[in-house]
Amino acid sequence: MTNPQGPPAADADDVERHPCPRCGVQPGSPCRSRGGAVAGAYHTGRFTKVPRLAKLLRVQTPADRGPGQPWRPGTRPRPRSSRTPRARTSASATPVART
């Protein structure tokens, strides 16, 4: 049975701790396509830096990262040793400057 939500959040958080050598995103962001949208899968050079994911052929970007949508800042990966829940941020919580 497959997981309709995509990979566990821990996999995505571990992948996003590293910069991507292909698309150049910094730690804390999902990989992006040439057009700037969130990529449907992490680039191989990035997820192979996580030993338990290194032998996989492909690691999907979880649905909560918005694959296929224009990239927007979201939550940061959890610190590895933290067991406390992280606060979620949303685009609607960000103040918008009006002119």
C-alpha atoms as a PDB file:
ATOM      1  CA  MET A   1       0.000   0.000   0.000  1.00  0.00           C
ATOM      2  CA  THR A   2       1.337   3.447  -0.870  1.00  0.00           C
ATOM      3  CA  ASN A   3       1.161   6.545   1.248  1.00  0.00           C
ATOM      4  CA  PRO A   4      -1.083   9.132  -0.522  1.00  0.00           C
ATOM      5  CA  GLN A   5       0.501  11.957   1.501  1.00  0.00           C
ATOM      6  CA  GLY A   6       3.996  11.194   0.154  1.00  0.00           C
ATOM      7  CA  PRO A   7       7.065  10.346   2.222  1.00  0.00           C
ATOM      8  CA  PRO A   8       7.150  10.802   5.996  1.00  0.00           C
ATOM      9  CA  ALA A   9       7.904  14.362   7.102  1.00  0.00           C
ATOM     10  CA  ALA A  10      11.115  13.096   8.714  1.00  0.00           C
ATOM     11  CA  ASP A  11      12.468  12.082   5.283  1.00  0.00           C
ATOM     12  CA  ALA A  12      11.688  15.499   3.812  1.00  0.00           C
ATOM     13  CA  ASP A  13      13.138  17.307   6.835  1.00  0.00           C
ATOM     14  CA  ASP A  14      16.358  15.273   6.580  1.00  0.00           C
ATOM     15  CA  VAL A  15      16.699  15.942   2.830  1.00  0.00           C
ATOM     16  CA  GLU A  16      16.025  19.652   3.306  1.00  0.00           C
ATOM     17  CA  ARG A  17      18.874  19.964   5.820  1.00  0.00           C
ATOM     18  CA  HIS A  18      21.263  19.985   2.839  1.00  0.00           C
ATOM     19  CA  PRO A  19      21.617  22.477  -0.028  1.00  0.00           C
ATOM     20  CA  CYS A  20      20.761  21.132  -3.484  1.00  0.00           C
ATOM     21  CA  PRO A  21      23.708  20.967  -5.896  1.00  0.00           C
ATOM     22  CA  ARG A  22      21.389  20.916  -8.930  1.00  0.00           C
ATOM     23  CA  CYS A  23      18.878  23.728  -8.354  1.00  0.00           C
ATOM     24  CA  GLY A  24      20.912  25.676  -5.784  1.00  0.00           C
ATOM     25  CA  VAL A  25      18.280  25.978  -3.044  1.00  0.00           C
ATOM     26  CA  GLN A  26      19.556  26.464   0.458  1.00  0.00           C
ATOM     27  CA  PRO A  27      18.762  24.220   3.450  1.00  0.00           C
ATOM     28  CA  GLY A  28      15.169  24.539   4.594  1.00  0.00           C
ATOM     29  CA  SER A  29      13.553  24.621   1.151  1.00  0.00           C
ATOM     30  CA  PRO A  30      12.306  21.920  -1.225  1.00  0.00           C
ATOM     31  CA  CYS A  31      13.944  21.530  -4.647  1.00  0.00           C
ATOM     32  CA  ARG A  32      12.615  23.683  -7.461  1.00  0.00           C
ATOM     33  CA  SER A  33      12.022  23.243 -11.154  1.00  0.00           C
ATOM     34  CA  ARG A  34      13.577  25.497 -13.796  1.00  0.00           C
ATOM     35  CA  GLY A  35      10.399  27.592 -13.713  1.00  0.00           C
ATOM     36  CA  GLY A  36      10.654  28.165  -9.946  1.00  0.00           C
ATOM     37  CA  ALA A  37       7.848  25.834  -8.869  1.00  0.00           C
ATOM     38  CA  VAL A  38       8.372  23.240  -6.149  1.00  0.00           C
ATOM     39  CA  ALA A  39       9.721  20.085  -7.821  1.00  0.00           C
ATOM     40  CA  GLY A  40       7.689  16.869  -7.549  1.00  0.00           C
ATOM     41  CA  ALA A  41      10.754  14.962  -6.305  1.00  0.00           C
ATOM     42  CA  TYR A  42      14.001  15.966  -4.614  1.00  0.00           C
ATOM     43  CA  HIS A  43      17.043  16.037  -6.889  1.00  0.00           C
ATOM     44  CA  THR A  44      19.226  12.930  -6.548  1.00  0.00           C
ATOM     45  CA  GLY A  45      22.362  14.795  -5.489  1.00  0.00           C
ATOM     46  CA  ARG A  46      20.475  16.128  -2.498  1.00  0.00           C
ATOM     47  CA  PHE A  47      18.678  13.086  -1.081  1.00  0.00           C
ATOM     48  CA  THR A  48      21.738  10.852  -1.477  1.00  0.00           C
ATOM     49  CA  LYS A  49      23.372  12.909   1.285  1.00  0.00           C
ATOM     50  CA  VAL A  50      20.960  11.211   3.727  1.00  0.00           C
ATOM     51  CA  PRO A  51      22.417   7.711   4.257  1.00  0.00           C
ATOM     52  CA  ARG A  52      19.088   5.893   4.740  1.00  0.00           C
ATOM     53  CA  LEU A  53      17.708   7.430   1.516  1.00  0.00           C
ATOM     54  CA  ALA A  54      20.877   7.173  -0.585  1.00  0.00           C
ATOM     55  CA  LYS A  55      19.949   3.891  -2.305  1.00  0.00           C
ATOM     56  CA  LEU A  56      16.485   5.045  -3.385  1.00  0.00           C
ATOM     57  CA  LEU A  57      15.967   6.000  -7.000  1.00  0.00           C
ATOM     58  CA  ARG A  58      13.579   8.840  -6.200  1.00  0.00           C
ATOM     59  CA  VAL A  59      12.285  10.667  -3.103  1.00  0.00           C
ATOM     60  CA  GLN A  60       8.955  12.426  -3.631  1.00  0.00           C
ATOM     61  CA  THR A  61       8.337  15.912  -2.266  1.00  0.00           C
ATOM     62  CA  PRO A  62       5.540  15.697   0.355  1.00  0.00           C
ATOM     63  CA  ALA A  63       2.176  17.274  -0.421  1.00  0.00           C
ATOM     64  CA  ASP A  64       2.569  19.838   2.390  1.00  0.00           C
ATOM     65  CA  ARG A  65       5.554  21.358   0.503  1.00  0.00           C
ATOM     66  CA  GLY A  66       3.279  22.181  -2.479  1.00  0.00           C
ATOM     67  CA  PRO A  67       4.823  20.284  -5.423  1.00  0.00           C
ATOM     68  CA  GLY A  68       3.852  21.816  -8.749  1.00  0.00           C
ATOM     69  CA  GLN A  69       2.974  25.142  -7.125  1.00  0.00           C
ATOM     70  CA  PRO A  70       5.073  28.311  -7.085  1.00  0.00           C
ATOM     71  CA  TRP A  71       7.484  28.128  -4.151  1.00  0.00           C
ATOM     72  CA  ARG A  72       6.481  30.015  -0.988  1.00  0.00           C
ATOM     73  CA  PRO A  73       8.371  30.130   2.306  1.00  0.00           C
ATOM     74  CA  GLY A  74       7.108  27.521   4.725  1.00  0.00           C
ATOM     75  CA  THR A  75       8.248  25.750   7.829  1.00  0.00           C
ATOM     76  CA  ARG A  76      11.890  25.054   8.539  1.00  0.00           C
ATOM     77  CA  PRO A  77      13.143  21.509   9.112  1.00  0.00           C
ATOM     78  CA  ARG A  78      13.064  20.332  12.708  1.00  0.00           C
ATOM     79  CA  PRO A  79      16.370  20.210  14.559  1.00  0.00           C
ATOM     80  CA  ARG A  80      17.577  16.610  14.612  1.00  0.00           C
ATOM     81  CA  SER A  81      17.529  16.270  18.427  1.00  0.00           C
ATOM     82  CA  SER A  82      14.251  18.112  19.020  1.00  0.00           C
ATOM     83  CA  ARG A  83      11.187  16.136  20.042  1.00  0.00           C
ATOM     84  CA  THR A  84       8.921  19.121  20.557  1.00  0.00           C
ATOM     85  CA  PRO A  85       6.243  19.937  17.964  1.00  0.00           C
ATOM     86  CA  ARG A  86       7.143  22.731  15.602  1.00  0.00           C
ATOM     87  CA  ALA A  87       4.964  25.729  14.963  1.00  0.00           C
ATOM     88  CA  ARG A  88       3.459  25.922  11.501  1.00  0.00           C
ATOM     89  CA  THR A  89       3.427  29.156   9.574  1.00  0.00           C
ATOM     90  CA  SER A  90       1.196  30.045   6.712  1.00  0.00           C
ATOM     91  CA  ALA A  91       1.225  32.637   3.995  1.00  0.00           C
ATOM     92  CA  SER A  92      -1.915  34.196   5.483  1.00  0.00           C
ATOM     93  CA  ALA A  93      -0.098  34.819   8.776  1.00  0.00           C
ATOM     94  CA  THR A  94       2.540  36.941   7.017  1.00  0.00           C
ATOM     95  CA  PRO A  95       1.755  40.683   7.023  1.00  0.00           C
ATOM     96  CA  VAL A  96       1.431  42.220   3.583  1.00  0.00           C
ATOM     97  CA  ALA A  97       2.765  45.696   2.883  1.00  0.00           C
ATOM     98  CA  ARG A  98       0.146  47.867   1.180  1.00  0.00           C
ATOM     99  CA  THR A  99       0.953  50.921  -0.835  1.00  0.00           C
END
